[in-house]
Amino acid sequence: MKSSVFKFFLCLMPVFLPTLSVAQTDLTSPAGLWTQIDDETNKPRSLIRIEKKGEEYIGHIEKIFPLPNEEPREFCSKCKGEKKDKPLVGLQILWGLKDSGSKYEGGKILDPKNGTEYRCKMELLDGGQKLRVRGFVGISLLGRSQTWSRATTEENTP
């Protein structure tokens, strides 16, 4: 009898496990894992983990996807201050973003390619499946945007 009950629940696991992982993702928040898409090549470049710490959102590089024939960079050689020559994986590139209704503003973003920090704002799109990230100097008109996609667990495996 115990064996049949165990087999019954074992058969139900594939049905309920996908539901549990989707239920854990809050699509009304930028917190989670995002695939950063390069705005020039339109190719995935990295996975960024965004977390809420207190009242602000921060983000770290979790994985890097070098382009074919590209020399992989492991360190932020062009960064300044405490981030100079730190490993790219684990590097904090977003900080200070606060919820202001439908957007997240008041933060900074680091472009590890050139070591420059920009003012930053973000906005959830497509029911929380996409995130528009805008880095700018001075006013928002003087900047550029990228649209990141909420990452799946398959993208996070080597």
Protein backbone atom coordinates (compact mmCIF):
# COMPACT_ATOMS: atom_id res chain seq x y z
CA MET A 1 0.00 0.00 0.00
CA LYS A 2 2.73 2.47 0.97
CA SER A 3 4.54 1.69 -2.27
CA SER A 4 1.47 2.56 -4.39
CA VAL A 5 0.91 5.86 -2.56
CA PHE A 6 4.58 6.76 -3.07
CA LYS A 7 4.37 5.92 -6.79
CA PHE A 8 1.20 8.01 -7.11
CA PHE A 9 2.88 11.10 -5.65
CA LEU A 10 6.02 10.45 -7.68
CA CYS A 11 3.90 10.50 -10.86
CA LEU A 12 2.37 13.86 -9.86
CA MET A 13 5.73 15.62 -9.32
CA PRO A 14 6.26 16.56 -13.00
CA VAL A 15 2.81 18.16 -13.00
CA PHE A 16 3.31 20.32 -9.89
CA LEU A 17 7.02 21.23 -10.02
CA PRO A 18 6.76 23.62 -13.02
CA THR A 19 3.81 25.32 -11.34
CA LEU A 20 5.79 25.83 -8.15
CA SER A 21 8.72 27.49 -9.92
CA VAL A 22 6.43 29.88 -11.83
CA ALA A 23 4.52 30.74 -8.65
CA GLN A 24 7.76 31.79 -6.95
CA THR A 25 8.53 34.41 -9.60
CA ASP A 26 6.96 37.78 -8.76
CA LEU A 27 6.31 39.33 -12.17
CA THR A 28 5.45 42.70 -10.56
CA SER A 29 9.05 43.14 -9.36
CA PRO A 30 12.36 43.41 -11.20
CA ALA A 31 13.86 41.00 -8.65
CA GLY A 32 15.04 37.82 -10.34
CA LEU A 33 17.38 36.58 -13.03
CA TRP A 34 17.58 38.53 -16.31
CA THR A 35 19.24 37.87 -19.66
CA GLN A 36 20.99 41.07 -20.66
CA ILE A 37 20.69 41.53 -24.42
CA ASP A 38 23.35 43.66 -26.13
CA ASP A 39 21.66 46.65 -27.78
CA GLU A 40 24.17 46.62 -30.66
CA THR A 41 24.35 42.89 -31.52
CA ASN A 42 20.94 41.83 -30.13
CA LYS A 43 22.68 38.76 -28.63
CA PRO A 44 22.60 37.58 -24.99
CA ARG A 45 25.68 38.93 -23.21
CA SER A 46 25.16 38.05 -19.55
CA LEU A 47 22.83 36.95 -16.80
CA ILE A 48 22.11 39.62 -14.20
CA ARG A 49 20.64 38.76 -10.79
CA ILE A 50 18.54 41.64 -9.41
CA GLU A 51 17.65 41.60 -5.72
CA LYS A 52 15.82 43.91 -3.38
CA LYS A 53 17.97 45.02 -0.44
CA GLY A 54 16.00 47.19 1.95
CA GLU A 55 14.29 49.82 -0.20
CA GLU A 56 16.61 49.55 -3.20
CA TYR A 57 17.26 47.14 -6.03
CA ILE A 58 20.79 46.00 -6.82
CA GLY A 59 22.14 43.75 -9.56
CA HIS A 60 25.19 41.52 -10.03
CA ILE A 61 26.60 39.72 -13.04
CA GLU A 62 25.96 36.01 -12.61
CA LYS A 63 27.22 34.64 -15.94
CA ILE A 64 28.84 36.00 -19.11
CA PHE A 65 28.21 34.86 -22.69
CA PRO A 66 31.17 35.83 -24.92
CA LEU A 67 30.45 36.26 -28.60
CA PRO A 68 32.07 33.78 -31.02
CA ASN A 69 35.69 34.73 -31.76
CA GLU A 70 35.65 37.17 -28.82
CA GLU A 71 38.40 37.05 -26.23
CA PRO A 72 36.55 36.42 -22.95
CA ARG A 73 37.14 39.15 -20.37
CA GLU A 74 37.29 38.00 -16.77
CA PHE A 75 38.05 41.24 -14.94
CA CYS A 76 36.79 44.82 -15.00
CA SER A 77 40.08 46.35 -16.11
CA LYS A 78 38.49 49.70 -17.10
CA CYS A 79 36.51 50.12 -13.87
CA LYS A 80 37.59 52.71 -11.35
CA GLY A 81 37.97 52.65 -7.59
CA GLU A 82 37.09 49.52 -5.63
CA LYS A 83 35.72 47.75 -8.74
CA LYS A 84 39.00 48.05 -10.68
CA ASP A 85 40.31 44.64 -11.76
CA LYS A 86 37.54 42.79 -9.88
CA PRO A 87 36.12 39.63 -11.48
CA LEU A 88 33.17 40.37 -13.78
CA VAL A 89 31.18 37.40 -12.46
CA GLY A 90 29.80 38.61 -9.14
CA LEU A 91 30.41 42.29 -9.94
CA GLN A 92 27.67 44.66 -8.80
CA ILE A 93 26.56 46.69 -11.81
CA LEU A 94 23.20 48.08 -10.59
CA TRP A 95 22.47 49.87 -7.32
CA GLY A 96 20.25 52.48 -5.74
CA LEU A 97 17.13 51.83 -7.84
CA LYS A 98 13.90 52.53 -5.94
CA ASP A 99 10.28 51.75 -6.77
CA SER A 100 8.45 54.88 -7.93
CA GLY A 101 5.14 53.38 -9.02
CA SER A 102 5.43 51.77 -12.42
CA LYS A 103 9.17 52.48 -12.75
CA TYR A 104 12.37 52.05 -10.75
CA GLU A 105 14.51 55.18 -10.63
CA GLY A 106 17.29 57.01 -8.85
CA GLY A 107 19.97 54.39 -9.31
CA LYS A 108 23.22 53.83 -11.12
CA ILE A 109 24.44 51.28 -13.64
CA LEU A 110 28.01 50.33 -14.50
CA ASP A 111 29.04 49.47 -18.04
CA PRO A 112 31.95 47.06 -17.40
CA LYS A 113 33.01 47.32 -21.04
CA ASN A 114 34.23 50.90 -20.56
CA GLY A 115 34.14 51.25 -16.74
CA THR A 116 31.67 54.16 -16.86
CA GLU A 117 28.86 54.61 -14.34
CA TYR A 118 25.58 56.10 -15.57
CA ARG A 119 22.36 57.19 -13.93
CA CYS A 120 19.76 54.47 -14.40
CA LYS A 121 16.06 53.75 -14.46
CA MET A 122 14.11 50.58 -15.23
CA GLU A 123 10.59 49.65 -16.27
CA LEU A 124 8.87 46.26 -16.40
CA LEU A 125 7.23 45.38 -19.73
CA ASP A 126 5.17 42.51 -21.17
CA GLY A 127 3.59 41.50 -17.87
CA GLY A 128 6.97 41.38 -16.08
CA GLN A 129 8.71 39.20 -18.67
CA LYS A 130 10.90 42.05 -19.99
CA LEU A 131 12.79 44.86 -18.31
CA ARG A 132 13.73 48.10 -20.08
CA VAL A 133 16.97 49.37 -18.55
CA ARG A 134 18.06 52.91 -19.43
CA GLY A 135 21.49 54.30 -18.61
CA PHE A 136 22.03 58.01 -19.11
CA VAL A 137 24.16 61.06 -18.36
CA GLY A 138 22.34 64.05 -16.92
CA ILE A 139 18.86 63.72 -18.39
CA SER A 140 17.22 60.55 -19.65
CA LEU A 141 17.29 61.80 -23.26
CA LEU A 142 21.10 61.51 -23.21
CA GLY A 143 21.45 57.77 -22.91
CA ARG A 144 20.59 54.38 -24.30
CA SER A 145 18.22 51.57 -23.41
CA GLN A 146 18.44 47.81 -23.40
CA THR A 147 15.54 45.41 -23.04
CA TRP A 148 16.37 42.41 -20.88
CA SER A 149 14.34 39.19 -20.76
CA ARG A 150 13.45 37.27 -17.64
CA ALA A 151 15.81 34.28 -17.69
CA THR A 152 14.83 30.65 -17.51
CA THR A 153 16.72 28.08 -15.48
CA GLU A 154 17.94 26.41 -18.70
CA GLU A 155 19.91 29.57 -19.60
CA ASN A 156 21.69 29.45 -16.27
CA THR A 157 23.27 26.04 -16.82
CA PRO A 158 26.78 25.83 -18.26
